[in-house]
Protein backbone atom coordinates (compact mmCIF):
# COMPACT_ATOMS: atom_id res chain seq x y z
CA UNK A 1 -48.69 17.23 34.97
CA UNK A 2 -48.97 20.98 33.95
CA UNK A 3 -46.66 22.29 31.14
CA UNK A 4 -45.50 26.06 31.08
CA UNK A 5 -43.58 25.42 27.80
CA UNK A 6 -45.54 24.50 24.64
CA UNK A 7 -43.57 23.26 21.86
CA UNK A 8 -44.91 23.93 18.47
CA UNK A 9 -43.62 22.63 15.17
CA UNK A 10 -45.53 23.60 12.01
CA UNK A 11 -47.74 20.51 10.81
CA UNK A 12 -47.23 18.96 7.36
CA UNK A 13 -48.82 16.55 5.01
CA UNK A 14 -47.30 15.34 1.79
CA UNK A 15 -48.71 12.42 -0.44
CA UNK A 16 -46.95 11.31 -3.70
CA UNK A 17 -48.32 9.60 -6.59
CA UNK A 18 -50.31 7.03 -6.73
CA UNK A 19 -51.68 7.98 -3.08
CA UNK A 20 -52.22 11.74 -3.53
CA UNK A 21 -55.89 11.16 -2.58
CA UNK A 22 -54.53 10.23 0.96
CA UNK A 23 -53.71 14.07 1.67
CA UNK A 24 -57.23 14.63 2.83
CA UNK A 25 -57.25 11.72 5.26
CA UNK A 26 -53.84 12.72 6.58
CA UNK A 27 -55.02 16.35 7.37
CA UNK A 28 -57.81 14.95 9.25
CA UNK A 29 -55.32 12.68 11.27
CA UNK A 30 -53.27 15.76 11.99
CA UNK A 31 -56.31 17.81 13.20
CA UNK A 32 -57.19 14.66 15.49
CA UNK A 33 -53.78 14.34 16.95
CA UNK A 34 -54.07 18.05 18.13
CA UNK A 35 -57.73 17.56 19.27
CA UNK A 36 -56.79 14.66 21.72
CA UNK A 37 -54.14 16.76 23.08
CA UNK A 38 -56.37 19.80 23.47
CA UNK A 39 -59.49 18.13 24.74
CA UNK A 40 -57.69 16.42 27.44
CA UNK A 41 -56.02 19.64 28.80
CA UNK A 42 -52.64 18.52 27.68
CA UNK A 43 -52.69 15.53 29.96
CA UNK A 44 -53.06 12.81 27.34
CA UNK A 45 -52.22 12.29 23.50
CA UNK A 46 -52.13 9.66 21.03
CA UNK A 47 -48.15 9.70 20.91
CA UNK A 48 -48.15 8.91 24.51
CA UNK A 49 -49.58 5.52 23.68
CA UNK A 50 -48.43 2.93 21.35
CA UNK A 51 -49.12 1.28 17.91
CA UNK A 52 -52.79 0.11 18.82
CA UNK A 53 -54.04 3.67 19.76
CA UNK A 54 -52.27 5.24 16.89
CA UNK A 55 -53.94 2.89 14.21
CA UNK A 56 -57.30 3.57 16.02
CA UNK A 57 -56.75 7.20 15.59
CA UNK A 58 -55.74 6.76 11.82
CA UNK A 59 -59.05 4.54 11.43
CA UNK A 60 -61.20 7.39 13.10
CA UNK A 61 -59.58 9.92 10.84
CA UNK A 62 -60.42 7.80 7.93
CA UNK A 63 -63.93 7.24 8.68
CA UNK A 64 -64.48 11.12 9.16
CA UNK A 65 -63.00 11.60 5.87
CA UNK A 66 -65.47 9.18 4.24
CA UNK A 67 -63.73 5.74 4.53
CA UNK A 68 -64.90 2.62 5.93
CA UNK A 69 -62.42 1.30 8.50
CA UNK A 70 -61.91 -2.13 10.25
CA UNK A 71 -59.01 -2.99 12.51
CA UNK A 72 -57.58 -6.43 13.31
CA UNK A 73 -59.18 -8.17 10.24
CA UNK A 74 -58.48 -11.67 9.14
CA UNK A 75 -56.43 -11.91 6.13
CA UNK A 76 -54.31 -14.45 4.09
CA UNK A 77 -50.44 -13.95 4.69
CA UNK A 78 -47.66 -15.90 3.25
CA UNK A 79 -45.19 -17.79 5.66
CA UNK A 80 -41.93 -16.08 6.41
CA UNK A 81 -39.93 -19.03 5.31
CA UNK A 82 -42.32 -20.84 2.88
CA UNK A 83 -43.43 -18.04 0.63
CA UNK A 84 -45.82 -20.31 -1.40
CA UNK A 85 -48.04 -21.47 1.47
CA UNK A 86 -50.32 -19.09 3.39
CA UNK A 87 -51.97 -19.02 6.77
CA UNK A 88 -54.92 -16.96 8.24
CA UNK A 89 -53.55 -13.97 9.75
CA UNK A 90 -54.61 -10.41 10.78
CA UNK A 91 -54.32 -7.01 9.10
CA UNK A 92 -53.76 -3.92 11.42
CA UNK A 93 -56.40 -1.77 9.21
CA UNK A 94 -58.34 -2.34 6.10
CA UNK A 95 -60.01 0.73 4.58
CA UNK A 96 -62.71 1.04 1.71
CA UNK A 97 -63.92 4.26 -0.13
CA UNK A 98 -65.83 3.86 -3.30
CA UNK A 99 -63.48 1.68 -5.67
CA UNK A 100 -60.64 2.25 -3.34
CA UNK A 101 -59.33 -0.25 -0.96
CA UNK A 102 -56.10 -0.58 1.23
CA UNK A 103 -54.52 -3.18 3.43
CA UNK A 104 -52.47 -1.55 6.15
CA UNK A 105 -49.83 -2.93 8.45
CA UNK A 106 -48.49 -0.67 10.98
CA UNK A 107 -45.43 -0.47 13.54
CA UNK A 108 -44.55 1.93 16.08
CA UNK A 109 -41.16 3.44 17.29
CA UNK A 110 -40.09 5.93 19.95
CA UNK A 111 -36.68 7.86 19.39
CA UNK A 112 -34.64 10.20 21.50
CA UNK A 113 -34.41 13.38 19.64
CA UNK A 114 -30.40 13.14 20.71
CA UNK A 115 -30.09 9.67 19.57
CA UNK A 116 -26.91 9.17 17.68
CA UNK A 117 -28.56 6.72 15.10
CA UNK A 118 -32.14 5.89 13.81
CA UNK A 119 -31.71 2.15 14.50
CA UNK A 120 -35.21 1.91 16.28
CA UNK A 121 -37.03 3.69 13.58
CA UNK A 122 -35.24 1.54 10.85
CA UNK A 123 -36.32 -1.78 12.62
CA UNK A 124 -39.85 -0.70 12.93
CA UNK A 125 -40.05 0.49 9.35
CA UNK A 126 -38.54 -2.83 8.15
CA UNK A 127 -40.91 -4.80 10.21
CA UNK A 128 -43.96 -2.99 8.89
CA UNK A 129 -42.83 -3.34 5.34
CA UNK A 130 -42.06 -7.09 5.75
CA UNK A 131 -45.47 -7.72 7.27
CA UNK A 132 -47.27 -5.77 4.54
CA UNK A 133 -45.45 -7.73 1.83
CA UNK A 134 -46.64 -10.96 3.17
CA UNK A 135 -50.23 -10.04 3.05
CA UNK A 136 -51.54 -11.66 -0.26
CA UNK A 137 -55.36 -10.61 -0.33
CA UNK A 138 -54.46 -7.67 -2.42
CA UNK A 139 -51.75 -9.31 -4.37
CA UNK A 140 -47.97 -9.60 -3.84
CA UNK A 141 -47.38 -6.01 -5.18
CA UNK A 142 -49.99 -3.50 -5.12
CA UNK A 143 -50.65 0.07 -4.26
CA UNK A 144 -53.55 -1.40 -2.18
CA UNK A 145 -50.94 -2.45 0.44
CA UNK A 146 -49.23 0.21 2.58
CA UNK A 147 -46.94 0.00 5.28
CA UNK A 148 -47.25 2.54 8.15
CA UNK A 149 -44.64 3.57 10.65
CA UNK A 150 -45.57 5.86 13.69
CA UNK A 151 -42.41 7.65 14.99
CA UNK A 152 -42.63 9.36 18.31
CA UNK A 153 -39.68 11.77 19.03
CA UNK A 154 -39.03 11.62 22.92
CA UNK A 155 -36.88 13.58 25.31
CA UNK A 156 -35.98 13.01 28.90
CA UNK A 157 -37.63 15.35 31.47
CA UNK A 158 -34.18 16.91 32.60
CA UNK A 159 -33.08 17.51 29.10
CA UNK A 160 -36.59 19.05 28.02
CA UNK A 161 -35.91 21.79 30.95
CA UNK A 162 -32.37 22.65 29.42
CA UNK A 163 -33.30 23.01 25.75
CA UNK A 164 -35.14 25.97 24.34
CA UNK A 165 -38.02 25.61 22.08
CA UNK A 166 -35.79 26.50 18.96
CA UNK A 167 -33.07 24.00 19.84
CA UNK A 168 -35.68 21.23 19.95
CA UNK A 169 -37.36 22.31 16.84
CA UNK A 170 -34.07 22.01 15.10
CA UNK A 171 -33.57 18.39 16.34
CA UNK A 172 -37.01 17.53 15.14
CA UNK A 173 -36.64 19.11 11.69
CA UNK A 174 -33.18 17.24 11.44
CA UNK A 175 -34.93 13.85 12.59
CA UNK A 176 -37.74 14.47 10.01
CA UNK A 177 -35.19 15.28 7.13
CA UNK A 178 -33.22 12.15 7.86
CA UNK A 179 -36.32 9.97 7.85
CA UNK A 180 -37.39 11.46 4.56
CA UNK A 181 -33.90 11.06 2.85
CA UNK A 182 -33.51 7.54 4.08
CA UNK A 183 -37.06 6.07 3.60
CA UNK A 184 -38.24 8.28 0.87
CA UNK A 185 -41.90 7.64 1.91
CA UNK A 186 -44.97 7.99 -0.46
CA UNK A 187 -46.98 9.26 2.57
CA UNK A 188 -45.51 11.52 5.40
CA UNK A 189 -47.33 13.76 7.99
CA UNK A 190 -46.56 14.93 11.46
CA UNK A 191 -48.02 16.83 14.13
CA UNK A 192 -46.50 18.49 17.26
CA UNK A 193 -49.14 19.66 19.50
CA UNK A 194 -47.07 19.85 22.64
CA UNK A 195 -45.05 17.81 25.48
CA UNK A 196 -46.75 14.98 27.31
CA UNK A 197 -45.47 12.23 29.45
CA UNK A 198 -45.40 8.85 27.89
CA UNK A 199 -47.44 5.84 29.12
CA UNK A 200 -45.32 3.51 31.01
CA UNK A 201 -42.27 5.84 30.94
CA UNK A 202 -41.04 9.13 32.49
CA UNK A 203 -39.85 10.27 29.26
CA UNK A 204 -41.72 13.20 27.38
CA UNK A 205 -43.38 12.69 24.04
CA UNK A 206 -43.32 15.73 21.62
CA UNK A 207 -45.63 14.54 18.69
CA UNK A 208 -45.71 11.83 16.11
CA UNK A 209 -44.39 11.47 12.51
CA UNK A 210 -46.48 9.07 10.24
CA UNK A 211 -44.63 7.65 7.16
CA UNK A 212 -46.26 5.23 4.62
CA UNK A 213 -44.78 3.41 1.63
CA UNK A 214 -46.28 0.99 -0.82
CA UNK A 215 -45.31 -2.57 -0.64
């Protein structure tokens, strides 16, 4: 599918204490989000996929930034009902760099830019936080544990033809602001290289927002 219209929203990366050192990693992630879209001639993107592909790209960005990354690692987790007992589960991503170490649980959500509420985002965010809290290897409360949520703003094909770039940009900025106000993430980064058809859907993905919180 060839796109005559290219939507561009300025990229941004922010990392608060104690994770300010994540800024370099997230800048690399933003560059890679753009690169996938560019080298595929606008026919593919990480935001056309779902959670696994997005975590893979985050791992790739981390490696390029000097981290060691392993996906789907074994880890001990506490049971949902029996907090004091544990079982052998999996962690979506583990990162190492010098003395730094992180266990990351990630979730994914798509949301229409004309949605009346952010319920889908809320559910994905809550699940990422809950899964991260149940990981016990790094302790029950630690900056080593991060819950990541990937959020992909989407639009129907008919609507994208009716809205101008500026109108879509306004809606995207409103969505980002709402997410920041409600979630107050420690990490936030986003990139909007351009529109692409979602895998398994006729809808159009516009880019991806990544938020992260310490659990």
